[in-house]
Amino acid sequence: MNAPRPIAFFDMKAQQSLIRAEIDAGIARILDHGRFIQGPEVDALEERLAAFCGARHAVGVSSGTDALQIAMMAEGIGPGDAVFLPAFTYTATAEVPLVLGATPIFVDVDPGSYNIDLADLERRLALVQREGRLRPRAVIGVDLYGLPADWPAIEALCAKHGMFALDDAAQAFGGALGNRRLGTHGHATACSFYPTKTLGCYGDGGAIVTDDPARAELYRSLRTHGEGKTRYEVQRTGMNGRLDSIQAAILLAKLPLLEGELKARARAAAWYEAALAGHLRTPQVAEGATSAWGIYTIALPDAATRGRVQAAMQAAGVPGAIYYPKPLHHQPAYAAAHAGGIAGGPPPLPVSERLCDQVLSLPMHPYLGEADVARVAAAVLAGLSSP
């Protein structure tokens, strides 16, 4: 009897087989013209990314992390500033404010959406304001797993308190609220094109999307060592955050597939929902929101149950992953900043801590078949029913 075909957690080879000729041709053009960094492919990509999002400007950069850093550098965020962000997310979101000398203020997340909890955000903002030691400067909303955060509420709060609203859409390129794609919310949106993202290159890459022409111009300067109108006119302290032409060429080849791939991801999510709903907590998408389904994540009752499900999946040859096993405020790198961010000790973050024992991510990519999803779901349910 033949063994079942392997199921990839992320499948880049299936996609590559469709566009290999375009990728090879794009790389060949770059080898011919020799502009390996910030070549014409980057200009073309920026134009198409902005058009896809419905925004006025897109600025290609070297990674999603650098997108966050350049966006915050442009605002002058640094020592004495408080940057509010979810405790349940990837390290890059908190890493950048700390590198810039600012203080990350960790906020709990909503147990249904896994995105920043607006009530808890307002509570921590009030504590920082009352203490008066730090200036509330920015909120980084993360569209976790592909689901847009509540951007109208975040934007209103930031407008009320004069804060910078930055969308970390690393897992959610292609997501939307109503008829507005991510990239048009907040003051700016940081995108990651890491290979496993909904739009990914074959290395590191990213972009900052904004409707503000002054910010876009500043981002372009900061990504290139702070240069002005000419290469050796240095107007400000910047960084080396440029996008390689080869990565831009790969993204140009992939971008025409994205609309169809987003629909395929949504179809796979619907198959998961049909198989798993009622047995465990499946992702919930708010009315009017469109998830990009960057990562499909279920929640189990506790760590022991998750362990049984993982064991059953492994026995069935089905991959899984935990995003994330530890909340940011429990990470050694952030412990001191967390403890000192709010005098007298910050309020607890129970939802973020609990989710780290519950979440389990299942295979999600546009090339999953219905039989693949059924096989994954069967393994999950077998683990649930095991003693």
Protein backbone atom coordinates (compact mmCIF):
# COMPACT_ATOMS: atom_id res chain seq x y z
CA MET A 1 0.00 0.00 0.00
CA ASN A 2 1.40 3.42 -0.96
CA ALA A 3 2.03 5.90 1.84
CA PRO A 4 -0.09 9.06 1.65
CA ARG A 5 1.66 11.99 0.03
CA PRO A 6 3.32 14.40 2.46
CA ILE A 7 1.39 17.50 3.44
CA ALA A 8 3.48 20.66 3.54
CA PHE A 9 2.90 23.17 6.32
CA PHE A 10 3.80 25.91 3.82
CA ASP A 11 4.09 24.85 0.16
CA MET A 12 6.29 27.08 -1.97
CA LYS A 13 7.27 24.42 -4.52
CA ALA A 14 3.77 24.07 -5.95
CA GLN A 15 3.60 27.80 -6.55
CA GLN A 16 7.10 27.93 -7.99
CA SER A 17 6.25 25.30 -10.59
CA LEU A 18 3.63 27.69 -12.02
CA ILE A 19 5.92 30.68 -12.41
CA ARG A 20 9.43 29.27 -12.68
CA ALA A 21 9.87 30.62 -16.21
CA GLU A 22 8.89 34.15 -15.14
CA ILE A 23 11.23 33.99 -12.15
CA ASP A 24 14.13 32.76 -14.27
CA ALA A 25 13.50 35.47 -16.86
CA GLY A 26 13.35 38.18 -14.18
CA ILE A 27 16.63 37.08 -12.64
CA ALA A 28 18.25 36.90 -16.08
CA ARG A 29 17.23 40.52 -16.76
CA ILE A 30 18.87 41.61 -13.53
CA LEU A 31 22.06 39.73 -14.37
CA ASP A 32 22.07 41.58 -17.69
CA HIS A 33 21.48 45.11 -16.38
CA GLY A 34 23.52 44.66 -13.19
CA ARG A 35 21.45 46.86 -10.85
CA PHE A 36 21.23 44.34 -8.05
CA ILE A 37 19.96 46.73 -5.36
CA GLN A 38 17.14 49.25 -5.90
CA GLY A 39 16.95 48.37 -9.58
CA PRO A 40 13.96 49.03 -11.86
CA GLU A 41 12.23 45.92 -10.51
CA VAL A 42 11.92 47.64 -7.13
CA ASP A 43 10.25 50.68 -8.70
CA ALA A 44 7.83 48.43 -10.59
CA LEU A 45 7.05 46.40 -7.48
CA GLU A 46 6.36 49.50 -5.38
CA GLU A 47 3.88 50.75 -7.95
CA ARG A 48 2.04 47.42 -8.07
CA LEU A 49 2.01 46.91 -4.31
CA ALA A 50 0.45 50.34 -3.80
CA ALA A 51 -2.14 49.62 -6.48
CA PHE A 52 -2.98 46.24 -4.95
CA CYS A 53 -3.54 47.80 -1.52
CA GLY A 54 -5.33 50.86 -2.87
CA ALA A 55 -2.73 53.14 -1.29
CA ARG A 56 -0.79 56.06 -2.72
CA HIS A 57 2.73 54.87 -1.87
CA ALA A 58 4.68 51.68 -1.21
CA VAL A 59 8.37 51.73 -0.29
CA GLY A 60 10.33 48.50 -0.70
CA VAL A 61 12.69 47.63 2.16
CA SER A 62 14.90 44.77 3.21
CA SER A 63 12.56 42.99 5.64
CA GLY A 64 9.37 43.32 7.62
CA THR A 65 11.40 44.13 10.72
CA ASP A 66 13.17 46.95 8.90
CA ALA A 67 9.78 48.19 7.71
CA LEU A 68 8.73 48.57 11.35
CA GLN A 69 12.00 50.23 12.28
CA ILE A 70 12.06 52.72 9.42
CA ALA A 71 8.44 53.68 10.07
CA MET A 72 9.19 54.39 13.73
CA MET A 73 12.49 56.13 13.00
CA ALA A 74 10.58 58.49 10.71
CA GLU A 75 8.41 59.52 13.68
CA GLY A 76 11.45 60.16 15.88
CA ILE A 77 10.35 57.48 18.35
CA GLY A 78 13.02 56.81 20.97
CA PRO A 79 13.92 57.20 24.66
CA GLY A 80 11.07 58.33 26.87
CA ASP A 81 8.42 57.13 24.43
CA ALA A 82 5.84 54.41 25.15
CA VAL A 83 4.88 52.12 22.27
CA PHE A 84 1.79 49.98 22.88
CA LEU A 85 1.68 46.55 21.23
CA PRO A 86 0.19 43.11 21.82
CA ALA A 87 1.96 40.68 24.15
CA PHE A 88 0.94 37.77 21.93
CA THR A 89 2.85 38.18 18.68
CA TYR A 90 6.26 37.67 17.07
CA THR A 91 9.32 39.22 18.66
CA ALA A 92 10.01 41.74 15.86
CA THR A 93 7.03 43.87 16.89
CA ALA A 94 8.56 44.51 20.33
CA GLU A 95 12.19 44.32 19.31
CA VAL A 96 12.16 47.46 17.19
CA PRO A 97 10.90 49.97 19.78
CA LEU A 98 13.41 48.59 22.27
CA VAL A 99 16.27 48.90 19.76
CA LEU A 100 15.25 52.54 19.22
CA GLY A 101 15.35 53.19 22.96
CA ALA A 102 11.58 53.37 23.41
CA THR A 103 9.63 51.35 25.99
CA PRO A 104 7.28 48.64 24.74
CA ILE A 105 4.04 48.52 26.74
CA PHE A 106 2.56 45.07 26.33
CA VAL A 107 -1.21 44.87 25.92
CA ASP A 108 -3.38 41.79 26.26
CA VAL A 109 -5.25 40.37 23.29
CA ASP A 110 -8.85 39.49 22.59
CA PRO A 111 -9.50 35.76 23.18
CA GLY A 112 -11.55 35.46 19.98
CA SER A 113 -9.54 37.41 17.42
CA TYR A 114 -6.09 37.13 19.12
CA ASN A 115 -5.57 40.78 18.16
CA ILE A 116 -4.97 43.69 20.52
CA ASP A 117 -7.69 44.15 23.17
CA LEU A 118 -8.94 47.73 22.88
CA ALA A 119 -10.23 47.90 26.45
CA ASP A 120 -6.92 46.72 27.84
CA LEU A 121 -5.08 49.15 25.54
CA GLU A 122 -7.11 52.06 26.94
CA ARG A 123 -6.45 50.90 30.50
CA ARG A 124 -2.68 50.74 30.02
CA LEU A 125 -2.64 54.03 28.14
CA ALA A 126 -4.41 55.67 31.09
CA LEU A 127 -1.85 54.21 33.51
CA VAL A 128 1.05 55.56 31.46
CA GLN A 129 -0.59 58.97 31.18
CA ARG A 130 -1.35 59.12 34.90
CA GLU A 131 2.22 58.25 35.82
CA GLY A 132 3.61 60.83 33.38
CA ARG A 133 7.07 59.28 33.09
CA LEU A 134 6.69 58.12 29.46
CA ARG A 135 5.13 59.85 26.46
CA PRO A 136 2.46 57.72 24.71
CA ARG A 137 3.72 57.87 21.13
CA ALA A 138 2.51 54.90 19.11
CA VAL A 139 0.27 51.86 18.86
CA ILE A 140 1.41 48.90 16.78
CA GLY A 141 -1.62 46.85 15.82
CA VAL A 142 -0.78 43.35 14.62
CA ASP A 143 -3.08 41.55 12.18
CA LEU A 144 -2.28 38.20 13.74
CA TYR A 145 -2.54 35.03 11.65
CA GLY A 146 -3.95 37.12 8.78
CA LEU A 147 -7.00 38.62 10.51
CA PRO A 148 -7.17 42.44 10.47
CA ALA A 149 -7.17 44.16 13.84
CA ASP A 150 -9.96 46.61 14.69
CA TRP A 151 -8.40 49.48 12.78
CA PRO A 152 -11.25 51.99 13.04
CA ALA A 153 -11.05 51.75 16.83
CA ILE A 154 -7.24 51.91 16.90
CA GLU A 155 -7.23 54.90 14.55
CA ALA A 156 -9.80 56.74 16.67
CA LEU A 157 -7.82 56.13 19.86
CA CYS A 158 -4.57 57.28 18.26
CA ALA A 159 -6.22 60.40 16.83
CA LYS A 160 -7.65 61.27 20.25
CA HIS A 161 -4.27 61.00 21.97
CA GLY A 162 -1.97 62.18 19.19
CA MET A 163 -0.28 58.81 18.69
CA PHE A 164 1.21 57.17 15.61
CA ALA A 165 -0.84 54.19 14.36
CA LEU A 166 1.35 51.52 12.74
CA ASP A 167 -0.12 48.38 11.20
CA ASP A 168 2.11 45.31 11.47
CA ALA A 169 0.56 43.30 8.64
CA ALA A 170 3.42 40.80 8.37
CA GLN A 171 1.04 37.82 8.38
CA ALA A 172 -1.85 39.49 6.62
CA PHE A 173 -0.94 40.97 3.24
CA GLY A 174 -4.17 40.76 1.24
CA GLY A 175 -6.49 41.00 4.24
CA ALA A 176 -9.22 43.65 4.32
CA LEU A 177 -11.81 45.47 6.39
CA GLY A 178 -14.89 46.10 4.31
CA ASN A 179 -13.72 47.21 0.88
CA ARG A 180 -10.38 48.52 2.17
CA ARG A 181 -7.35 46.28 2.03
CA LEU A 182 -4.70 46.40 4.71
CA GLY A 183 -2.19 49.04 3.72
CA THR A 184 -4.76 51.82 3.93
CA HIS A 185 -5.28 51.76 7.70
CA GLY A 186 -3.34 53.69 10.29
CA HIS A 187 -0.61 56.11 9.31
CA ALA A 188 1.52 53.38 7.75
CA THR A 189 1.59 49.61 7.24
CA ALA A 190 4.65 47.40 7.61
CA CYS A 191 4.66 44.35 5.33
CA SER A 192 6.90 41.30 5.41
CA PHE A 193 7.74 39.25 2.32
CA TYR A 194 9.51 36.46 4.19
CA PRO A 195 9.19 33.29 2.08
CA THR A 196 6.27 31.79 4.04
CA LYS A 197 4.06 34.90 3.98
CA THR A 198 0.95 35.26 1.83
CA LEU A 199 3.21 37.14 -0.61
CA GLY A 200 6.74 35.94 -0.06
CA CYS A 201 10.06 36.25 -1.84
CA TYR A 202 13.03 33.84 -1.68
CA GLY A 203 14.87 35.65 1.07
CA ASP A 204 14.11 38.63 3.23
CA GLY A 205 12.04 41.52 1.91
CA GLY A 206 9.40 43.97 3.02
CA ALA A 207 7.60 47.21 2.29
CA ILE A 208 6.01 50.18 4.02
CA VAL A 209 2.67 51.28 2.59
CA THR A 210 1.19 54.71 3.28
CA ASP A 211 -1.05 57.40 1.85
CA ASP A 212 1.21 60.14 3.20
CA PRO A 213 3.66 61.44 0.55
CA ALA A 214 5.90 63.12 3.13
CA ARG A 215 6.25 59.91 5.11
CA ALA A 216 6.96 57.92 1.93
CA GLU A 217 9.74 60.33 0.97
CA LEU A 218 11.24 60.05 4.43
CA TYR A 219 11.07 56.23 4.32
CA ARG A 220 13.00 56.25 1.04
CA SER A 221 15.70 58.39 2.60
CA LEU A 222 15.95 56.36 5.80
CA ARG A 223 16.23 53.01 3.97
CA THR A 224 19.32 54.36 2.16
CA HIS A 225 21.46 55.71 5.01
CA GLY A 226 19.45 58.92 5.24
CA GLU A 227 20.55 60.20 1.86
CA GLY A 228 19.03 63.29 0.26
CA LYS A 229 18.63 64.11 -3.41
CA THR A 230 22.02 62.60 -4.26
CA ARG A 231 23.83 59.55 -2.95
CA TYR A 232 26.41 61.47 -0.94
CA GLU A 233 24.09 64.09 0.51
CA VAL A 234 23.37 62.68 3.97
CA GLN A 235 20.45 64.55 5.54
CA ARG A 236 19.76 62.34 8.54
CA THR A 237 20.86 59.17 10.29
CA GLY A 238 19.34 56.26 8.42
CA MET A 239 20.10 52.60 7.87
CA ASN A 240 20.84 50.08 5.15
CA GLY A 241 17.31 48.85 4.55
CA ARG A 242 17.15 48.56 0.77
CA LEU A 243 15.35 45.84 -1.19
CA ASP A 244 17.32 43.59 -3.55
CA SER A 245 16.28 43.67 -7.20
CA ILE A 246 16.17 39.87 -7.39
CA GLN A 247 13.68 39.67 -4.52
CA ALA A 248 11.57 42.35 -6.20
CA ALA A 249 11.59 40.36 -9.45
CA ILE A 250 10.40 37.26 -7.61
CA LEU A 251 7.59 39.23 -5.97
CA LEU A 252 6.59 40.69 -9.35
CA ALA A 253 6.22 37.15 -10.69
CA LYS A 254 4.18 36.07 -7.67
CA LEU A 255 1.87 39.07 -7.31
CA PRO A 256 -0.47 38.14 -10.21
CA LEU A 257 -1.22 34.85 -8.43
CA LEU A 258 -2.15 36.47 -5.13
CA GLU A 259 -5.86 37.12 -5.69
CA GLY A 260 -6.46 33.49 -6.62
CA GLU A 261 -4.26 32.26 -3.79
CA LEU A 262 -6.18 34.31 -1.23
CA LYS A 263 -9.40 32.70 -2.44
CA ALA A 264 -7.78 29.26 -2.19
CA ARG A 265 -6.65 29.97 1.37
CA ALA A 266 -10.20 31.03 2.28
CA ARG A 267 -11.53 27.82 0.72
CA ALA A 268 -9.12 25.71 2.78
CA ALA A 269 -10.15 27.62 5.91
CA ALA A 270 -13.80 26.85 5.16
CA TRP A 271 -12.96 23.15 4.85
CA TYR A 272 -11.22 23.25 8.23
CA GLU A 273 -14.18 25.07 9.75
CA ALA A 274 -16.64 22.47 8.46
CA ALA A 275 -14.55 19.60 9.84
CA LEU A 276 -13.51 21.06 13.20
CA ALA A 277 -16.21 23.51 14.36
CA GLY A 278 -18.01 22.23 17.41
CA HIS A 279 -15.03 20.13 18.49
CA LEU A 280 -12.61 22.93 19.38
CA ARG A 281 -12.19 26.68 18.97
CA THR A 282 -11.66 27.56 15.32
CA PRO A 283 -10.68 31.04 14.02
CA GLN A 284 -13.48 33.57 14.16
CA VAL A 285 -13.64 36.33 11.57
CA ALA A 286 -15.58 39.45 12.51
CA GLU A 287 -18.33 40.70 10.23
CA GLY A 288 -16.89 42.90 7.51
CA ALA A 289 -13.35 41.54 7.93
CA THR A 290 -11.52 39.41 5.37
CA SER A 291 -8.69 37.29 6.73
CA ALA A 292 -5.67 36.65 4.54
CA TRP A 293 -5.36 33.27 6.32
CA GLY A 294 -1.61 33.62 6.66
CA ILE A 295 -1.63 30.98 9.42
CA TYR A 296 -4.59 28.77 10.37
CA THR A 297 -4.67 28.47 14.16
CA ILE A 298 -6.98 26.50 16.42
CA ALA A 299 -7.22 26.74 20.21
CA LEU A 300 -7.37 23.69 22.48
CA PRO A 301 -8.49 23.60 26.11
CA ASP A 302 -5.02 23.28 27.63
CA ALA A 303 -1.41 22.27 27.04
CA ALA A 304 -2.06 18.60 27.82
CA THR A 305 -4.80 18.36 25.21
CA ARG A 306 -2.60 20.15 22.71
CA GLY A 307 0.19 17.67 23.40
CA ARG A 308 -2.13 14.75 22.62
CA VAL A 309 -3.27 16.39 19.39
CA GLN A 310 0.32 17.07 18.37
CA ALA A 311 1.23 13.45 19.02
CA ALA A 312 -1.68 12.22 16.90
CA MET A 313 -0.72 14.58 14.08
CA GLN A 314 2.88 13.42 14.19
CA ALA A 315 1.79 9.78 14.07
CA ALA A 316 -0.32 10.58 11.00
CA GLY A 317 2.53 12.40 9.27
CA VAL A 318 0.77 15.76 9.55
CA PRO A 319 2.82 18.86 10.41
CA GLY A 320 1.84 21.47 12.97
CA ALA A 321 3.44 24.43 14.74
CA ILE A 322 2.93 26.65 17.78
CA TYR A 323 2.78 30.40 17.16
CA TYR A 324 3.67 31.34 19.94
CA PRO A 325 4.85 29.20 22.88
CA LYS A 326 5.69 32.14 25.16
CA PRO A 327 4.20 35.64 25.42
CA LEU A 328 6.59 38.51 24.81
CA HIS A 329 6.52 39.79 28.39
CA HIS A 330 7.89 36.42 29.54
CA GLN A 331 10.80 36.55 27.11
CA PRO A 332 14.15 37.33 28.81
CA ALA A 333 14.90 40.11 26.33
CA TYR A 334 11.78 42.05 27.32
CA ALA A 335 11.37 41.21 30.99
CA ALA A 336 13.09 44.34 32.31
CA ALA A 337 11.29 46.68 29.91
CA HIS A 338 7.96 45.10 30.80
CA ALA A 339 8.55 45.34 34.54
CA GLY A 340 9.61 48.98 34.32
CA GLY A 341 7.08 50.19 31.79
CA ILE A 342 4.35 50.93 34.34
CA ALA A 343 5.20 51.88 37.91
CA GLY A 344 4.21 49.42 40.60
CA GLY A 345 4.18 46.57 38.11
CA PRO A 346 2.00 46.33 35.00
CA PRO A 347 -1.40 44.62 35.13
CA PRO A 348 -1.40 40.91 34.26
CA LEU A 349 -1.83 39.64 30.71
CA PRO A 350 -3.90 36.47 31.28
CA VAL A 351 -5.25 35.92 27.77
CA SER A 352 -1.83 36.11 26.14
CA GLU A 353 -0.43 33.69 28.73
CA ARG A 354 -3.32 31.28 28.34
CA LEU A 355 -3.18 31.25 24.54
CA CYS A 356 0.44 30.16 24.59
CA ASP A 357 -0.76 26.88 26.15
CA GLN A 358 -3.68 26.49 23.75
CA VAL A 359 -2.86 27.53 20.20
CA LEU A 360 -1.84 25.11 17.48
CA SER A 361 -1.37 26.04 13.84
CA LEU A 362 -2.29 23.65 11.06
CA PRO A 363 -1.02 23.48 7.47
CA MET A 364 -2.24 26.48 5.46
CA HIS A 365 -1.32 27.40 1.91
CA PRO A 366 -3.17 27.91 -1.39
CA TYR A 367 -2.33 24.44 -2.72
CA LEU A 368 -4.06 22.36 -0.05
CA GLY A 369 -6.67 20.01 -1.45
CA GLU A 370 -9.88 19.07 0.31
CA ALA A 371 -8.48 15.59 0.98
CA ASP A 372 -5.39 17.16 2.59
CA VAL A 373 -7.53 19.22 4.94
CA ALA A 374 -9.67 16.18 5.77
CA ARG A 375 -6.53 14.23 6.67
CA VAL A 376 -5.26 17.00 8.93
CA ALA A 377 -8.65 17.38 10.60
CA ALA A 378 -8.92 13.62 11.16
CA ALA A 379 -5.58 13.61 12.94
CA VAL A 380 -6.63 16.56 15.13
CA LEU A 381 -9.90 14.88 16.07
CA ALA A 382 -8.11 11.60 16.79
CA GLY A 383 -5.88 13.45 19.23
CA LEU A 384 -8.87 15.08 20.89
CA SER A 385 -10.50 11.73 21.50
CA SER A 386 -7.37 9.97 22.73
CA PRO A 387 -7.13 9.27 26.47
